[in-house]
Amino acid sequence: MYDDAVPLIAGGQHRRDTVPEEGGRWPVSVVLRPAVDGLLAKRLDELTQQAAELAGPGHWQTGQIGSAHLTVRALEWYRAAVDPAEPAIQRYRAAIERAAAECAPARVEVVGLTLTAGTVMAAVASLDDQADRLLDRLAEELGSDAWLEEPYGRRDIWYVNLLHFTTDIPNPQPLIDWVTTHRHHSAGTDTIPTVELVRFHHDAHPERPYMRPEVLAEVPLTGRPERLDPPQPTSTYYETEEQ
């Protein structure tokens, strides 16, 4: 990703996110979020601010406190009207509850930064098997509601996007250099005790614009910390919802 992204960003050919439209990215999704009052969330927020200063104004600061998240699964394409009481949302919630009952809190570590064609990304390592277990159990419990990501195969990396590019980067080289020096740079660890069903709203904050997650359901991870079957990665990095 880094090797492919650098020339695009250097040449001003990076991908630019736009405010979501019907049928587009940023749909209802299942996510894990660091504790908003934790040290990892604070450090991600600091890195996001640094990246934003180097990239210039207008880019979405996705890694700020309260927004930073690891996407477990995107469930549908974007739609502006989402009713928490509607049947689809209730099915998603029930599937999350069944999966979460078999998964313990997930321990993660941010191990460094990288670039993609459209983002500054923090790479995340799972320190146990619970995030992967949740990934797999959720896919099983969703059944036909897992349709959106099925063509892509199984997610095989964990990450938090810090910055989504939305416009030009006036001077890209300092940003590239900064990310390069942080390629192998731990930002800390966290144990995430809950999984969330969220939707996203564009927040055009004058200083820190971002896509704001709205929590539709929050479910505790209450299972045992053992896994019987190891994960079987089958895909490479992709973005279906952003995110």
C-alpha atoms as a PDB file:
ATOM      1  CA  MET A   1       0.000   0.000   0.000  1.00  0.00           C
ATOM      2  CA  TYR A   2       2.724   2.462   0.982  1.00  0.00           C
ATOM      3  CA  ASP A   3       4.789   1.889  -2.158  1.00  0.00           C
ATOM      4  CA  ASP A   4       1.741   2.303  -4.374  1.00  0.00           C
ATOM      5  CA  ALA A   5       0.441   5.355  -2.523  1.00  0.00           C
ATOM      6  CA  VAL A   6       3.593   7.478  -2.336  1.00  0.00           C
ATOM      7  CA  PRO A   7       3.837   8.359  -6.063  1.00  0.00           C
ATOM      8  CA  LEU A   8       0.095   9.080  -6.214  1.00  0.00           C
ATOM      9  CA  ILE A   9       0.269  11.462  -3.258  1.00  0.00           C
ATOM     10  CA  ALA A  10       3.510  13.054  -4.452  1.00  0.00           C
ATOM     11  CA  GLY A  11       1.948  13.698  -7.851  1.00  0.00           C
ATOM     12  CA  GLY A  12      -1.370  14.987  -6.553  1.00  0.00           C
ATOM     13  CA  GLN A  13      -3.185  11.919  -7.885  1.00  0.00           C
ATOM     14  CA  HIS A  14      -4.402  10.653  -4.522  1.00  0.00           C
ATOM     15  CA  ARG A  15      -8.014   9.642  -4.002  1.00  0.00           C
ATOM     16  CA  ARG A  16     -10.330  12.301  -2.595  1.00  0.00           C
ATOM     17  CA  ASP A  17     -13.293  11.459  -0.406  1.00  0.00           C
ATOM     18  CA  THR A  18     -16.535  13.363  -0.878  1.00  0.00           C
ATOM     19  CA  VAL A  19     -19.612  13.864   1.283  1.00  0.00           C
ATOM     20  CA  PRO A  20     -21.519  10.555   1.195  1.00  0.00           C
ATOM     21  CA  GLU A  21     -24.366  10.086  -1.249  1.00  0.00           C
ATOM     22  CA  GLU A  22     -27.035   7.425  -1.536  1.00  0.00           C
ATOM     23  CA  GLY A  23     -25.469   4.138  -2.572  1.00  0.00           C
ATOM     24  CA  GLY A  24     -21.941   5.264  -1.732  1.00  0.00           C
ATOM     25  CA  ARG A  25     -19.370   4.688   0.981  1.00  0.00           C
ATOM     26  CA  TRP A  26     -19.683   5.167   4.753  1.00  0.00           C
ATOM     27  CA  PRO A  27     -22.701   2.945   5.415  1.00  0.00           C
ATOM     28  CA  VAL A  28     -23.979   1.258   8.539  1.00  0.00           C
ATOM     29  CA  SER A  29     -21.004  -0.729   9.841  1.00  0.00           C
ATOM     30  CA  VAL A  30     -19.719  -2.799  12.729  1.00  0.00           C
ATOM     31  CA  VAL A  31     -16.697  -1.273  14.465  1.00  0.00           C
ATOM     32  CA  LEU A  32     -14.372  -1.517  17.428  1.00  0.00           C
ATOM     33  CA  ARG A  33     -13.426   1.832  18.992  1.00  0.00           C
ATOM     34  CA  PRO A  34     -10.641   2.602  21.477  1.00  0.00           C
ATOM     35  CA  ALA A  35     -11.891   4.013  24.759  1.00  0.00           C
ATOM     36  CA  VAL A  36     -12.407   7.750  24.260  1.00  0.00           C
ATOM     37  CA  ASP A  37     -10.740   8.476  27.614  1.00  0.00           C
ATOM     38  CA  GLY A  38      -7.857   6.048  27.040  1.00  0.00           C
ATOM     39  CA  LEU A  39      -4.220   6.699  26.214  1.00  0.00           C
ATOM     40  CA  LEU A  40      -4.430   5.063  22.789  1.00  0.00           C
ATOM     41  CA  ALA A  41      -7.310   7.311  21.697  1.00  0.00           C
ATOM     42  CA  LYS A  42      -5.363  10.353  22.877  1.00  0.00           C
ATOM     43  CA  ARG A  43      -2.257   9.301  20.977  1.00  0.00           C
ATOM     44  CA  LEU A  44      -4.234   8.603  17.798  1.00  0.00           C
ATOM     45  CA  ASP A  45      -5.794  12.044  18.119  1.00  0.00           C
ATOM     46  CA  GLU A  46      -2.348  13.636  18.406  1.00  0.00           C
ATOM     47  CA  LEU A  47      -1.080  11.766  15.336  1.00  0.00           C
ATOM     48  CA  THR A  48      -4.193  12.780  13.425  1.00  0.00           C
ATOM     49  CA  GLN A  49      -3.593  16.438  14.216  1.00  0.00           C
ATOM     50  CA  GLN A  50       0.024  16.151  13.096  1.00  0.00           C
ATOM     51  CA  ALA A  51      -1.002  14.497   9.836  1.00  0.00           C
ATOM     52  CA  ALA A  52      -3.659  17.156   9.232  1.00  0.00           C
ATOM     53  CA  GLU A  53      -1.161  19.985   9.757  1.00  0.00           C
ATOM     54  CA  LEU A  54       1.146  18.453   7.160  1.00  0.00           C
ATOM     55  CA  ALA A  55      -1.598  17.657   4.646  1.00  0.00           C
ATOM     56  CA  GLY A  56      -3.245  21.065   4.830  1.00  0.00           C
ATOM     57  CA  PRO A  57      -6.807  22.118   5.599  1.00  0.00           C
ATOM     58  CA  GLY A  58     -10.031  20.369   4.665  1.00  0.00           C
ATOM     59  CA  HIS A  59      -9.117  16.697   5.007  1.00  0.00           C
ATOM     60  CA  TRP A  60     -11.282  14.556   7.272  1.00  0.00           C
ATOM     61  CA  GLN A  61      -9.640  13.899  10.645  1.00  0.00           C
ATOM     62  CA  THR A  62     -11.026  10.410  11.119  1.00  0.00           C
ATOM     63  CA  GLY A  63      -8.568   9.459  13.839  1.00  0.00           C
ATOM     64  CA  GLN A  64      -9.716  12.104  16.294  1.00  0.00           C
ATOM     65  CA  ILE A  65     -11.106  11.096  19.675  1.00  0.00           C
ATOM     66  CA  GLY A  66     -14.546   9.564  19.351  1.00  0.00           C
ATOM     67  CA  SER A  67     -14.147   8.903  15.633  1.00  0.00           C
ATOM     68  CA  ALA A  68     -11.117   6.584  15.503  1.00  0.00           C
ATOM     69  CA  HIS A  69     -12.277   3.024  14.803  1.00  0.00           C
ATOM     70  CA  LEU A  70     -11.367  -0.382  13.475  1.00  0.00           C
ATOM     71  CA  THR A  71     -13.933  -1.570  10.957  1.00  0.00           C
ATOM     72  CA  VAL A  72     -15.066  -5.145  11.544  1.00  0.00           C
ATOM     73  CA  ARG A  73     -17.558  -5.200   8.691  1.00  0.00           C
ATOM     74  CA  ALA A  74     -19.467  -2.826   6.426  1.00  0.00           C
ATOM     75  CA  LEU A  75     -23.050  -4.002   6.044  1.00  0.00           C
ATOM     76  CA  GLU A  76     -24.618  -2.017   3.219  1.00  0.00           C
ATOM     77  CA  TRP A  77     -24.075   1.020   1.008  1.00  0.00           C
ATOM     78  CA  TYR A  78     -24.655   4.497   2.400  1.00  0.00           C
ATOM     79  CA  ARG A  79     -28.184   5.775   2.926  1.00  0.00           C
ATOM     80  CA  ALA A  80     -29.145   9.036   4.573  1.00  0.00           C
ATOM     81  CA  ALA A  81     -32.236   7.709   6.357  1.00  0.00           C
ATOM     82  CA  VAL A  82     -31.515   5.024   8.957  1.00  0.00           C
ATOM     83  CA  ASP A  83     -34.098   4.157  11.610  1.00  0.00           C
ATOM     84  CA  PRO A  84     -32.676   2.213  14.599  1.00  0.00           C
ATOM     85  CA  ALA A  85     -36.022   0.400  14.882  1.00  0.00           C
ATOM     86  CA  GLU A  86     -36.143  -0.843  11.310  1.00  0.00           C
ATOM     87  CA  PRO A  87     -35.948  -4.609  10.665  1.00  0.00           C
ATOM     88  CA  ALA A  88     -32.498  -4.537   9.028  1.00  0.00           C
ATOM     89  CA  ILE A  89     -30.908  -2.720  11.969  1.00  0.00           C
ATOM     90  CA  GLN A  90     -32.562  -5.111  14.396  1.00  0.00           C
ATOM     91  CA  ARG A  91     -31.213  -8.103  12.450  1.00  0.00           C
ATOM     92  CA  TYR A  92     -27.720  -6.622  12.476  1.00  0.00           C
ATOM     93  CA  ARG A  93     -27.942  -6.029  16.208  1.00  0.00           C
ATOM     94  CA  ALA A  94     -29.119  -9.562  16.905  1.00  0.00           C
ATOM     95  CA  ALA A  95     -26.245 -10.994  14.834  1.00  0.00           C
ATOM     96  CA  ILE A  96     -23.738  -8.826  16.723  1.00  0.00           C
ATOM     97  CA  GLU A  97     -25.158  -9.958  20.064  1.00  0.00           C
ATOM     98  CA  ARG A  98     -24.821 -13.631  19.119  1.00  0.00           C
ATOM     99  CA  ALA A  99     -21.248 -13.141  17.886  1.00  0.00           C
ATOM    100  CA  ALA A 100     -20.198 -10.995  20.853  1.00  0.00           C
ATOM    101  CA  ALA A 101     -21.397 -13.655  23.284  1.00  0.00           C
ATOM    102  CA  GLU A 102     -18.608 -15.899  21.967  1.00  0.00           C
ATOM    103  CA  CYS A 103     -15.818 -13.304  21.878  1.00  0.00           C
ATOM    104  CA  ALA A 104     -13.806 -11.753  24.693  1.00  0.00           C
ATOM    105  CA  PRO A 105     -12.577  -8.125  24.780  1.00  0.00           C
ATOM    106  CA  ALA A 106     -10.036  -7.559  22.020  1.00  0.00           C
ATOM    107  CA  ARG A 107      -6.466  -6.461  22.791  1.00  0.00           C
ATOM    108  CA  VAL A 108      -4.865  -4.366  20.057  1.00  0.00           C
ATOM    109  CA  GLU A 109      -1.713  -2.333  19.451  1.00  0.00           C
ATOM    110  CA  VAL A 110      -1.087   0.423  16.925  1.00  0.00           C
ATOM    111  CA  VAL A 111       2.298  -0.564  15.513  1.00  0.00           C
ATOM    112  CA  GLY A 112       3.017   2.112  12.929  1.00  0.00           C
ATOM    113  CA  LEU A 113       1.723   4.381  10.186  1.00  0.00           C
ATOM    114  CA  THR A 114       1.403   3.981   6.454  1.00  0.00           C
ATOM    115  CA  LEU A 115      -0.174   5.632   3.430  1.00  0.00           C
ATOM    116  CA  THR A 116      -2.910   4.437   1.112  1.00  0.00           C
ATOM    117  CA  ALA A 117      -4.159   6.095  -2.054  1.00  0.00           C
ATOM    118  CA  GLY A 118      -6.684   8.045   0.001  1.00  0.00           C
ATOM    119  CA  THR A 119      -5.631   8.014   3.653  1.00  0.00           C
ATOM    120  CA  VAL A 120      -3.025   8.234   6.347  1.00  0.00           C
ATOM    121  CA  MET A 121      -3.475   4.925   8.136  1.00  0.00           C
ATOM    122  CA  ALA A 122      -2.389   3.475  11.471  1.00  0.00           C
ATOM    123  CA  ALA A 123      -1.562  -0.224  11.256  1.00  0.00           C
ATOM    124  CA  VAL A 124      -3.026  -2.291  14.092  1.00  0.00           C
ATOM    125  CA  ALA A 125      -1.822  -5.650  15.418  1.00  0.00           C
ATOM    126  CA  SER A 126      -4.219  -7.922  17.262  1.00  0.00           C
ATOM    127  CA  LEU A 127      -2.525  -9.016  20.498  1.00  0.00           C
ATOM    128  CA  ASP A 128      -4.864 -11.971  20.937  1.00  0.00           C
ATOM    129  CA  ASP A 129      -7.292 -13.847  18.677  1.00  0.00           C
ATOM    130  CA  GLN A 130     -10.484 -12.132  19.734  1.00  0.00           C
ATOM    131  CA  ALA A 131     -10.766  -9.467  17.026  1.00  0.00           C
ATOM    132  CA  ASP A 132     -10.313 -12.149  14.379  1.00  0.00           C
ATOM    133  CA  ARG A 133     -12.763 -14.399  16.144  1.00  0.00           C
ATOM    134  CA  LEU A 134     -15.336 -11.604  16.146  1.00  0.00           C
ATOM    135  CA  LEU A 135     -14.722 -11.005  12.450  1.00  0.00           C
ATOM    136  CA  ASP A 136     -15.480 -14.629  11.615  1.00  0.00           C
ATOM    137  CA  ARG A 137     -18.342 -15.208  14.020  1.00  0.00           C
ATOM    138  CA  LEU A 138     -20.086 -12.045  12.867  1.00  0.00           C
ATOM    139  CA  ALA A 139     -19.907 -13.135   9.229  1.00  0.00           C
ATOM    140  CA  GLU A 140     -21.505 -16.445  10.180  1.00  0.00           C
ATOM    141  CA  GLU A 141     -24.243 -14.891  12.294  1.00  0.00           C
ATOM    142  CA  LEU A 142     -25.147 -12.281   9.689  1.00  0.00           C
ATOM    143  CA  GLY A 143     -25.959 -14.915   7.097  1.00  0.00           C
ATOM    144  CA  SER A 144     -27.420 -13.241   4.016  1.00  0.00           C
ATOM    145  CA  ASP A 145     -26.919  -9.819   5.652  1.00  0.00           C
ATOM    146  CA  ALA A 146     -23.165 -10.275   5.108  1.00  0.00           C
ATOM    147  CA  TRP A 147     -23.641  -9.736   1.358  1.00  0.00           C
ATOM    148  CA  LEU A 148     -21.737  -6.476   0.910  1.00  0.00           C
ATOM    149  CA  GLU A 149     -18.253  -7.761   1.724  1.00  0.00           C
ATOM    150  CA  GLU A 150     -18.654 -11.330   0.493  1.00  0.00           C
ATOM    151  CA  PRO A 151     -17.224 -10.607  -2.988  1.00  0.00           C
ATOM    152  CA  TYR A 152     -14.006  -9.299  -1.423  1.00  0.00           C
ATOM    153  CA  GLY A 153     -13.267 -12.263   0.801  1.00  0.00           C
ATOM    154  CA  ARG A 154     -12.111 -12.078   4.390  1.00  0.00           C
ATOM    155  CA  ARG A 155     -10.497  -8.891   5.743  1.00  0.00           C
ATOM    156  CA  ASP A 156      -6.873  -9.682   6.534  1.00  0.00           C
ATOM    157  CA  ILE A 157      -5.536  -6.542   8.219  1.00  0.00           C
ATOM    158  CA  TRP A 158      -6.642  -4.306  11.069  1.00  0.00           C
ATOM    159  CA  TYR A 159      -6.222  -0.556  10.827  1.00  0.00           C
ATOM    160  CA  VAL A 160      -7.424   2.862  11.958  1.00  0.00           C
ATOM    161  CA  ASN A 161      -7.565   5.557   9.312  1.00  0.00           C
ATOM    162  CA  LEU A 162      -6.291   8.826  10.755  1.00  0.00           C
ATOM    163  CA  LEU A 163      -6.879  11.138   7.818  1.00  0.00           C
ATOM    164  CA  HIS A 164      -9.082  10.814   4.739  1.00  0.00           C
ATOM    165  CA  PHE A 165      -7.888  13.023   1.902  1.00  0.00           C
ATOM    166  CA  THR A 166     -10.642  15.214   0.481  1.00  0.00           C
ATOM    167  CA  THR A 167      -8.772  17.864  -1.490  1.00  0.00           C
ATOM    168  CA  ASP A 168      -5.290  18.829  -2.700  1.00  0.00           C
ATOM    169  CA  ILE A 169      -2.209  18.406  -0.523  1.00  0.00           C
ATOM    170  CA  PRO A 170      -0.272  21.633  -1.198  1.00  0.00           C
ATOM    171  CA  ASN A 171       3.127  20.243  -0.196  1.00  0.00           C
ATOM    172  CA  PRO A 172       2.972  16.444  -0.027  1.00  0.00           C
ATOM    173  CA  GLN A 173       6.624  15.631   0.624  1.00  0.00           C
ATOM    174  CA  PRO A 174       6.688  16.619   4.330  1.00  0.00           C
ATOM    175  CA  LEU A 175       3.649  14.400   4.905  1.00  0.00           C
ATOM    176  CA  ILE A 176       5.290  11.502   3.078  1.00  0.00           C
ATOM    177  CA  ASP A 177       8.507  11.975   5.054  1.00  0.00           C
ATOM    178  CA  TRP A 178       6.641  12.137   8.360  1.00  0.00           C
ATOM    179  CA  VAL A 179       4.742   8.938   7.677  1.00  0.00           C
ATOM    180  CA  THR A 180       7.985   7.270   6.578  1.00  0.00           C
ATOM    181  CA  THR A 181       9.625   8.047   9.919  1.00  0.00           C
ATOM    182  CA  HIS A 182       6.605   6.550  11.710  1.00  0.00           C
ATOM    183  CA  ARG A 183       6.343   3.335   9.686  1.00  0.00           C
ATOM    184  CA  HIS A 184       7.409   1.280  12.717  1.00  0.00           C
ATOM    185  CA  HIS A 185       6.260   3.394  15.626  1.00  0.00           C
ATOM    186  CA  SER A 186       4.059   2.012  18.393  1.00  0.00           C
ATOM    187  CA  ALA A 187       1.316   4.389  19.491  1.00  0.00           C
ATOM    188  CA  GLY A 188       0.143   2.200  22.353  1.00  0.00           C
ATOM    189  CA  THR A 189      -2.284  -0.566  23.205  1.00  0.00           C
ATOM    190  CA  ASP A 190      -5.872  -0.895  24.348  1.00  0.00           C
ATOM    191  CA  THR A 191      -8.344  -3.590  25.327  1.00  0.00           C
ATOM    192  CA  ILE A 192     -11.675  -2.966  23.624  1.00  0.00           C
ATOM    193  CA  PRO A 193     -14.590  -4.432  25.618  1.00  0.00           C
ATOM    194  CA  THR A 194     -17.503  -3.656  23.289  1.00  0.00           C
ATOM    195  CA  VAL A 195     -18.454  -3.867  19.625  1.00  0.00           C
ATOM    196  CA  GLU A 196     -20.653  -1.203  18.064  1.00  0.00           C
ATOM    197  CA  LEU A 197     -23.116  -0.872  15.228  1.00  0.00           C
ATOM    198  CA  VAL A 198     -22.737   2.638  13.820  1.00  0.00           C
ATOM    199  CA  ARG A 199     -23.744   4.904  10.996  1.00  0.00           C
ATOM    200  CA  PHE A 200     -21.818   7.999   9.883  1.00  0.00           C
ATOM    201  CA  HIS A 201     -22.677  11.684   9.470  1.00  0.00           C
ATOM    202  CA  HIS A 202     -20.518  14.256   7.724  1.00  0.00           C
ATOM    203  CA  ASP A 203     -19.482  16.943  10.217  1.00  0.00           C
ATOM    204  CA  ALA A 204     -18.050  19.997   8.456  1.00  0.00           C
ATOM    205  CA  HIS A 205     -16.306  21.288  11.561  1.00  0.00           C
ATOM    206  CA  PRO A 206     -14.290  24.380  10.536  1.00  0.00           C
ATOM    207  CA  GLU A 207     -11.092  23.126  12.157  1.00  0.00           C
ATOM    208  CA  ARG A 208     -11.479  19.345  12.331  1.00  0.00           C
ATOM    209  CA  PRO A 209     -13.950  18.059   9.721  1.00  0.00           C
ATOM    210  CA  TYR A 210     -14.737  14.367   9.912  1.00  0.00           C
ATOM    211  CA  MET A 211     -17.320  11.619   9.529  1.00  0.00           C
ATOM    212  CA  ARG A 212     -19.032  11.386  12.898  1.00  0.00           C
ATOM    213  CA  PRO A 213     -20.111   7.903  14.053  1.00  0.00           C
ATOM    214  CA  GLU A 214     -23.585   7.586  15.538  1.00  0.00           C
ATOM    215  CA  VAL A 215     -23.950   4.502  17.719  1.00  0.00           C
ATOM    216  CA  LEU A 216     -27.021   2.431  16.855  1.00  0.00           C
ATOM    217  CA  ALA A 217     -26.133  -0.421  19.197  1.00  0.00           C
ATOM    218  CA  GLU A 218     -23.341  -1.184  21.680  1.00  0.00           C
ATOM    219  CA  VAL A 219     -22.778  -4.795  22.683  1.00  0.00           C
ATOM    220  CA  PRO A 220     -20.278  -6.091  25.279  1.00  0.00           C
ATOM    221  CA  LEU A 221     -17.813  -8.796  24.294  1.00  0.00           C
ATOM    222  CA  THR A 222     -18.562 -11.420  26.939  1.00  0.00           C
ATOM    223  CA  GLY A 223     -17.223 -14.705  25.554  1.00  0.00           C
ATOM    224  CA  ARG A 224     -14.310 -16.853  26.661  1.00  0.00           C
ATOM    225  CA  PRO A 225     -10.806 -15.888  25.463  1.00  0.00           C
ATOM    226  CA  GLU A 226     -10.179 -19.082  23.511  1.00  0.00           C
ATOM    227  CA  ARG A 227     -10.486 -19.788  19.844  1.00  0.00           C
ATOM    228  CA  LEU A 228     -10.955 -23.226  18.326  1.00  0.00           C
ATOM    229  CA  ASP A 229     -10.298 -22.393  14.686  1.00  0.00           C
ATOM    230  CA  PRO A 230      -7.464 -20.115  13.459  1.00  0.00           C
ATOM    231  CA  PRO A 231      -8.244 -17.251  11.058  1.00  0.00           C
ATOM    232  CA  GLN A 232      -7.790 -17.964   7.360  1.00  0.00           C
ATOM    233  CA  PRO A 233      -6.838 -14.731   5.546  1.00  0.00           C
ATOM    234  CA  THR A 234      -8.041 -14.739   1.945  1.00  0.00           C
ATOM    235  CA  SER A 235      -8.055 -11.120   0.855  1.00  0.00           C
ATOM    236  CA  THR A 236      -5.985  -7.969   0.689  1.00  0.00           C
ATOM    237  CA  TYR A 237      -6.741  -4.481   1.976  1.00  0.00           C
ATOM    238  CA  TYR A 238      -9.831  -2.818   0.590  1.00  0.00           C
ATOM    239  CA  GLU A 239     -12.263  -0.092   1.560  1.00  0.00           C
ATOM    240  CA  THR A 240     -15.966  -0.584   1.050  1.00  0.00           C
ATOM    241  CA  GLU A 241     -17.303   1.969   3.445  1.00  0.00           C
ATOM    242  CA  GLU A 242     -14.524   4.283   4.061  1.00  0.00           C
ATOM    243  CA  GLN A 243     -13.735   3.758   6.795  1.00  0.00           C
END
